[in-house]
Amino acid sequence: MITSIAFTVYPVSNMERARAFYEHVLGLHVTHNYRDVWVEYDLAGSTFAITTTDMGHTPGAKGAVVAFEVSDLDAFVHKMKERAVPFVTEVFDTPVCRMAVIEDQATNHITIHKRHA
């Protein structure tokens, strides 16, 4: 029986640039670093990882998308725009949430998400 998602991983082509984006732009904190080829960020019971190892995947928006929940979507979007982060999709509403889609340095898409109360 599946009980949870263990981790989500994105392939990246340049670990230094990717870490700068995820740590300095998005504000994630490293929880594990394996030889600078696999870096993990623990987030409220789940893990997001980036890797330069060849696992048969190439960087870029060609598959799954991670969605990060934020406490204040408007403030987070404002901060991303101040930092010149590319937006794939501006903020939009759904019946259950509001979200926007940004792009990292390897062209992976990242959903920034806020559930309705």
N, C-alpha and C. Protein backbone atom coordinates (compact mmCIF):
# COMPACT_ATOMS: atom_id res chain seq x y z
N MET A 1 0.84 -1.18 0.00
CA MET A 1 0.00 0.00 0.00
C MET A 1 0.89 1.25 0.00
N ILE A 2 0.61 2.19 -0.85
CA ILE A 2 1.34 3.46 -0.88
C ILE A 2 0.82 4.34 0.24
N THR A 3 1.74 4.91 1.01
CA THR A 3 1.34 5.73 2.14
C THR A 3 1.65 7.21 1.98
N SER A 4 2.61 7.55 1.11
CA SER A 4 2.94 8.96 0.89
C SER A 4 3.87 9.07 -0.31
N ILE A 5 4.14 10.29 -0.70
CA ILE A 5 5.15 10.56 -1.74
C ILE A 5 6.47 10.74 -1.02
N ALA A 6 7.46 9.93 -1.34
CA ALA A 6 8.76 10.00 -0.68
C ALA A 6 9.53 11.25 -1.09
N PHE A 7 9.57 11.53 -2.39
CA PHE A 7 10.25 12.73 -2.86
C PHE A 7 9.81 13.05 -4.28
N THR A 8 10.04 14.27 -4.67
CA THR A 8 9.91 14.73 -6.05
C THR A 8 11.29 15.23 -6.45
N VAL A 9 11.74 14.89 -7.64
CA VAL A 9 13.08 15.31 -8.07
C VAL A 9 13.01 15.95 -9.45
N TYR A 10 13.81 16.98 -9.63
CA TYR A 10 13.97 17.63 -10.92
C TYR A 10 15.41 17.46 -11.39
N PRO A 11 15.60 17.08 -12.65
CA PRO A 11 16.95 17.07 -13.21
C PRO A 11 17.37 18.51 -13.52
N VAL A 12 18.62 18.81 -13.24
CA VAL A 12 19.17 20.13 -13.56
C VAL A 12 20.50 19.93 -14.27
N SER A 13 20.87 20.89 -15.10
CA SER A 13 22.12 20.75 -15.85
C SER A 13 23.30 21.41 -15.14
N ASN A 14 23.04 22.36 -14.26
CA ASN A 14 24.10 23.08 -13.56
C ASN A 14 23.70 23.20 -12.10
N MET A 15 24.35 22.42 -11.24
CA MET A 15 23.97 22.38 -9.82
C MET A 15 24.18 23.73 -9.14
N GLU A 16 25.25 24.41 -9.43
CA GLU A 16 25.51 25.71 -8.79
C GLU A 16 24.40 26.71 -9.10
N ARG A 17 24.04 26.82 -10.37
CA ARG A 17 22.95 27.73 -10.75
C ARG A 17 21.61 27.29 -10.18
N ALA A 18 21.36 25.97 -10.19
CA ALA A 18 20.10 25.46 -9.64
C ALA A 18 20.01 25.73 -8.15
N ARG A 19 21.07 25.47 -7.42
CA ARG A 19 21.06 25.73 -5.97
C ARG A 19 20.87 27.21 -5.69
N ALA A 20 21.51 28.07 -6.47
CA ALA A 20 21.32 29.51 -6.27
C ALA A 20 19.85 29.87 -6.43
N PHE A 21 19.20 29.30 -7.43
CA PHE A 21 17.78 29.59 -7.65
C PHE A 21 16.93 29.07 -6.50
N TYR A 22 17.04 27.78 -6.19
CA TYR A 22 16.16 27.18 -5.18
C TYR A 22 16.44 27.70 -3.77
N GLU A 23 17.69 28.02 -3.47
CA GLU A 23 18.02 28.48 -2.12
C GLU A 23 17.93 29.99 -1.96
N HIS A 24 18.45 30.74 -2.92
CA HIS A 24 18.49 32.20 -2.76
C HIS A 24 17.27 32.90 -3.33
N VAL A 25 16.68 32.36 -4.37
CA VAL A 25 15.50 32.98 -4.96
C VAL A 25 14.23 32.46 -4.28
N LEU A 26 14.08 31.12 -4.21
CA LEU A 26 12.87 30.55 -3.60
C LEU A 26 12.96 30.44 -2.09
N GLY A 27 14.16 30.41 -1.54
CA GLY A 27 14.32 30.38 -0.09
C GLY A 27 14.28 29.00 0.55
N LEU A 28 14.54 27.93 -0.24
CA LEU A 28 14.56 26.59 0.34
C LEU A 28 15.86 26.37 1.10
N HIS A 29 15.83 25.44 2.07
CA HIS A 29 17.01 25.13 2.88
C HIS A 29 17.43 23.69 2.67
N VAL A 30 18.72 23.49 2.39
CA VAL A 30 19.25 22.15 2.13
C VAL A 30 19.13 21.30 3.39
N THR A 31 18.64 20.07 3.21
CA THR A 31 18.61 19.12 4.32
C THR A 31 19.57 17.96 4.08
N HIS A 32 19.86 17.65 2.81
CA HIS A 32 20.83 16.61 2.48
C HIS A 32 21.53 17.01 1.18
N ASN A 33 22.83 16.73 1.13
CA ASN A 33 23.61 17.01 -0.07
C ASN A 33 24.54 15.82 -0.29
N TYR A 34 24.31 15.09 -1.37
CA TYR A 34 25.14 13.95 -1.69
C TYR A 34 26.09 14.33 -2.82
N ARG A 35 27.32 14.67 -2.45
CA ARG A 35 28.40 14.96 -3.40
C ARG A 35 28.06 16.02 -4.44
N ASP A 36 27.16 16.92 -4.10
CA ASP A 36 26.74 17.99 -5.02
C ASP A 36 26.16 17.47 -6.34
N VAL A 37 25.69 16.21 -6.35
CA VAL A 37 24.98 15.71 -7.53
C VAL A 37 23.52 15.41 -7.20
N TRP A 38 23.19 15.40 -5.89
CA TRP A 38 21.81 15.17 -5.44
C TRP A 38 21.62 16.01 -4.19
N VAL A 39 20.76 17.01 -4.27
CA VAL A 39 20.52 17.92 -3.14
C VAL A 39 19.05 17.87 -2.78
N GLU A 40 18.77 17.70 -1.48
CA GLU A 40 17.38 17.59 -1.02
C GLU A 40 16.99 18.76 -0.13
N TYR A 41 15.71 19.10 -0.24
CA TYR A 41 15.08 20.14 0.58
C TYR A 41 13.82 19.52 1.19
N ASP A 42 13.79 19.35 2.52
CA ASP A 42 12.61 18.80 3.18
C ASP A 42 11.60 19.92 3.41
N LEU A 43 10.34 19.62 3.08
CA LEU A 43 9.25 20.60 3.17
C LEU A 43 8.03 19.94 3.79
N ALA A 44 7.76 20.22 5.04
CA ALA A 44 6.53 19.78 5.71
C ALA A 44 6.18 18.32 5.43
N GLY A 45 7.11 17.43 5.71
CA GLY A 45 6.81 16.02 5.56
C GLY A 45 7.06 15.42 4.19
N SER A 46 7.56 16.20 3.25
CA SER A 46 7.92 15.64 1.95
C SER A 46 9.26 16.23 1.54
N THR A 47 9.81 15.69 0.48
CA THR A 47 11.14 16.13 0.05
C THR A 47 11.12 16.50 -1.42
N PHE A 48 11.76 17.62 -1.74
CA PHE A 48 12.00 18.06 -3.11
C PHE A 48 13.51 17.95 -3.33
N ALA A 49 13.92 17.35 -4.44
CA ALA A 49 15.34 17.18 -4.71
C ALA A 49 15.67 17.68 -6.10
N ILE A 50 16.93 18.05 -6.27
CA ILE A 50 17.47 18.40 -7.60
C ILE A 50 18.70 17.53 -7.81
N THR A 51 18.94 17.16 -9.08
CA THR A 51 20.08 16.28 -9.36
C THR A 51 20.68 16.57 -10.73
N THR A 52 21.99 16.35 -10.81
CA THR A 52 22.68 16.41 -12.10
C THR A 52 23.02 15.01 -12.59
N THR A 53 22.63 13.97 -11.83
CA THR A 53 22.92 12.61 -12.28
C THR A 53 22.01 12.27 -13.45
N ASP A 54 22.53 11.51 -14.37
CA ASP A 54 21.75 11.11 -15.54
C ASP A 54 20.84 9.96 -15.17
N MET A 55 19.57 10.24 -14.98
CA MET A 55 18.59 9.22 -14.63
C MET A 55 17.63 8.99 -15.79
N GLY A 56 18.07 9.34 -17.00
CA GLY A 56 17.22 9.19 -18.16
C GLY A 56 16.25 10.34 -18.35
N HIS A 57 16.45 11.41 -17.59
CA HIS A 57 15.58 12.58 -17.68
C HIS A 57 16.42 13.79 -18.03
N THR A 58 15.86 14.69 -18.80
CA THR A 58 16.57 15.91 -19.14
C THR A 58 15.89 17.09 -18.47
N PRO A 59 16.66 18.11 -18.10
CA PRO A 59 16.05 19.30 -17.51
C PRO A 59 15.07 19.96 -18.47
N GLY A 60 14.06 20.56 -17.92
CA GLY A 60 13.10 21.29 -18.72
C GLY A 60 11.68 20.85 -18.48
N ALA A 61 10.75 21.65 -18.95
CA ALA A 61 9.32 21.41 -18.71
C ALA A 61 8.78 20.38 -19.69
N LYS A 62 9.07 19.12 -19.43
CA LYS A 62 8.64 18.06 -20.34
C LYS A 62 7.90 16.95 -19.60
N GLY A 63 7.58 17.16 -18.35
CA GLY A 63 6.95 16.08 -17.59
C GLY A 63 6.21 16.63 -16.39
N ALA A 64 6.41 15.99 -15.25
CA ALA A 64 5.72 16.36 -14.02
C ALA A 64 6.11 17.76 -13.58
N VAL A 65 5.25 18.34 -12.76
CA VAL A 65 5.48 19.68 -12.22
C VAL A 65 5.32 19.61 -10.71
N VAL A 66 6.20 20.25 -9.99
CA VAL A 66 6.07 20.35 -8.54
C VAL A 66 5.25 21.60 -8.23
N ALA A 67 4.44 21.53 -7.17
CA ALA A 67 3.67 22.68 -6.71
C ALA A 67 4.05 22.96 -5.27
N PHE A 68 4.59 24.14 -5.01
CA PHE A 68 4.96 24.55 -3.66
C PHE A 68 3.85 25.39 -3.06
N GLU A 69 3.35 24.98 -1.90
CA GLU A 69 2.34 25.75 -1.17
C GLU A 69 3.04 26.93 -0.50
N VAL A 70 2.45 28.12 -0.60
CA VAL A 70 3.00 29.30 0.05
C VAL A 70 1.96 29.90 0.99
N SER A 71 2.42 30.65 1.97
CA SER A 71 1.49 31.23 2.94
C SER A 71 0.78 32.46 2.38
N ASP A 72 1.44 33.21 1.51
CA ASP A 72 0.86 34.42 0.93
C ASP A 72 1.24 34.46 -0.55
N LEU A 73 0.33 34.05 -1.41
CA LEU A 73 0.62 33.96 -2.84
C LEU A 73 1.00 35.31 -3.43
N ASP A 74 0.24 36.34 -3.13
CA ASP A 74 0.52 37.66 -3.72
C ASP A 74 1.90 38.17 -3.34
N ALA A 75 2.28 38.02 -2.07
CA ALA A 75 3.60 38.47 -1.62
C ALA A 75 4.71 37.66 -2.28
N PHE A 76 4.50 36.35 -2.42
CA PHE A 76 5.51 35.50 -3.04
C PHE A 76 5.67 35.84 -4.52
N VAL A 77 4.57 36.04 -5.21
CA VAL A 77 4.62 36.43 -6.62
C VAL A 77 5.35 37.75 -6.77
N HIS A 78 5.07 38.70 -5.91
CA HIS A 78 5.73 40.01 -5.95
C HIS A 78 7.25 39.83 -5.79
N LYS A 79 7.66 38.99 -4.83
CA LYS A 79 9.08 38.75 -4.60
C LYS A 79 9.74 38.11 -5.83
N MET A 80 9.04 37.17 -6.48
CA MET A 80 9.59 36.52 -7.66
C MET A 80 9.76 37.52 -8.81
N LYS A 81 8.79 38.41 -8.95
CA LYS A 81 8.89 39.43 -10.01
C LYS A 81 10.03 40.40 -9.72
N GLU A 82 10.23 40.75 -8.45
CA GLU A 82 11.37 41.61 -8.09
C GLU A 82 12.69 40.93 -8.42
N ARG A 83 12.72 39.62 -8.35
CA ARG A 83 13.94 38.86 -8.62
C ARG A 83 14.03 38.42 -10.08
N ALA A 84 13.15 38.93 -10.91
CA ALA A 84 13.16 38.69 -12.36
C ALA A 84 13.02 37.21 -12.72
N VAL A 85 12.26 36.47 -11.92
CA VAL A 85 11.98 35.07 -12.21
C VAL A 85 10.98 35.01 -13.37
N PRO A 86 11.23 34.20 -14.39
CA PRO A 86 10.29 34.11 -15.51
C PRO A 86 8.96 33.46 -15.09
N PHE A 87 7.86 34.07 -15.52
CA PHE A 87 6.52 33.53 -15.27
C PHE A 87 6.01 32.85 -16.53
N VAL A 88 5.61 31.60 -16.39
CA VAL A 88 5.00 30.85 -17.48
C VAL A 88 3.51 31.18 -17.53
N THR A 89 2.89 31.27 -16.35
CA THR A 89 1.48 31.60 -16.20
C THR A 89 1.31 32.54 -15.02
N GLU A 90 0.64 33.64 -15.26
CA GLU A 90 0.36 34.58 -14.17
C GLU A 90 -0.67 33.96 -13.22
N VAL A 91 -0.90 34.61 -12.10
CA VAL A 91 -1.83 34.10 -11.09
C VAL A 91 -3.22 33.91 -11.69
N PHE A 92 -3.80 32.75 -11.37
CA PHE A 92 -5.18 32.48 -11.77
C PHE A 92 -5.88 31.71 -10.66
N ASP A 93 -7.21 31.77 -10.67
CA ASP A 93 -8.03 31.14 -9.65
C ASP A 93 -8.64 29.85 -10.17
N THR A 94 -8.81 28.90 -9.24
CA THR A 94 -9.58 27.69 -9.50
C THR A 94 -10.59 27.58 -8.35
N PRO A 95 -11.49 26.65 -8.41
CA PRO A 95 -12.45 26.51 -7.30
C PRO A 95 -11.78 26.18 -5.96
N VAL A 96 -10.57 25.59 -5.98
CA VAL A 96 -9.94 25.18 -4.72
C VAL A 96 -8.68 25.96 -4.36
N CYS A 97 -8.16 26.77 -5.29
CA CYS A 97 -6.89 27.43 -5.02
C CYS A 97 -6.65 28.62 -5.96
N ARG A 98 -5.52 29.30 -5.69
CA ARG A 98 -4.96 30.29 -6.61
C ARG A 98 -3.53 29.84 -6.87
N MET A 99 -3.04 30.07 -8.08
CA MET A 99 -1.68 29.64 -8.39
C MET A 99 -1.09 30.42 -9.55
N ALA A 100 0.22 30.29 -9.68
CA ALA A 100 0.97 30.82 -10.82
C ALA A 100 2.05 29.80 -11.13
N VAL A 101 2.63 29.90 -12.32
CA VAL A 101 3.70 28.97 -12.71
C VAL A 101 4.92 29.78 -13.09
N ILE A 102 6.06 29.44 -12.46
CA ILE A 102 7.33 30.09 -12.77
C ILE A 102 8.27 29.06 -13.37
N GLU A 103 9.46 29.52 -13.77
CA GLU A 103 10.42 28.65 -14.42
C GLU A 103 11.77 28.77 -13.74
N ASP A 104 12.44 27.64 -13.48
CA ASP A 104 13.78 27.70 -12.91
C ASP A 104 14.82 27.87 -14.01
N GLN A 105 16.08 27.85 -13.63
CA GLN A 105 17.17 28.10 -14.57
C GLN A 105 17.33 27.00 -15.62
N ALA A 106 16.77 25.81 -15.36
CA ALA A 106 16.85 24.71 -16.31
C ALA A 106 15.55 24.55 -17.10
N THR A 107 14.68 25.52 -17.01
CA THR A 107 13.36 25.59 -17.65
C THR A 107 12.35 24.59 -17.11
N ASN A 108 12.60 24.06 -15.89
CA ASN A 108 11.59 23.27 -15.20
C ASN A 108 10.49 24.21 -14.73
N HIS A 109 9.24 23.79 -14.83
CA HIS A 109 8.12 24.61 -14.37
C HIS A 109 7.84 24.31 -12.89
N ILE A 110 7.55 25.36 -12.14
CA ILE A 110 7.26 25.26 -10.71
C ILE A 110 5.96 25.99 -10.46
N THR A 111 4.98 25.30 -9.90
CA THR A 111 3.72 25.93 -9.55
C THR A 111 3.83 26.50 -8.15
N ILE A 112 3.46 27.75 -8.00
CA ILE A 112 3.38 28.40 -6.71
C ILE A 112 1.91 28.43 -6.36
N HIS A 113 1.53 27.87 -5.23
CA HIS A 113 0.14 27.49 -4.97
C HIS A 113 -0.33 27.97 -3.60
N LYS A 114 -1.59 28.38 -3.52
CA LYS A 114 -2.21 28.73 -2.24
C LYS A 114 -3.64 28.19 -2.25
N ARG A 115 -3.91 27.23 -1.34
CA ARG A 115 -5.27 26.70 -1.22
C ARG A 115 -6.20 27.76 -0.65
N HIS A 116 -7.46 27.74 -1.09
CA HIS A 116 -8.47 28.61 -0.48
C HIS A 116 -8.72 28.12 0.94
N ALA A 117 -9.10 29.04 1.80
CA ALA A 117 -9.39 28.69 3.20
C ALA A 117 -10.58 27.78 3.30
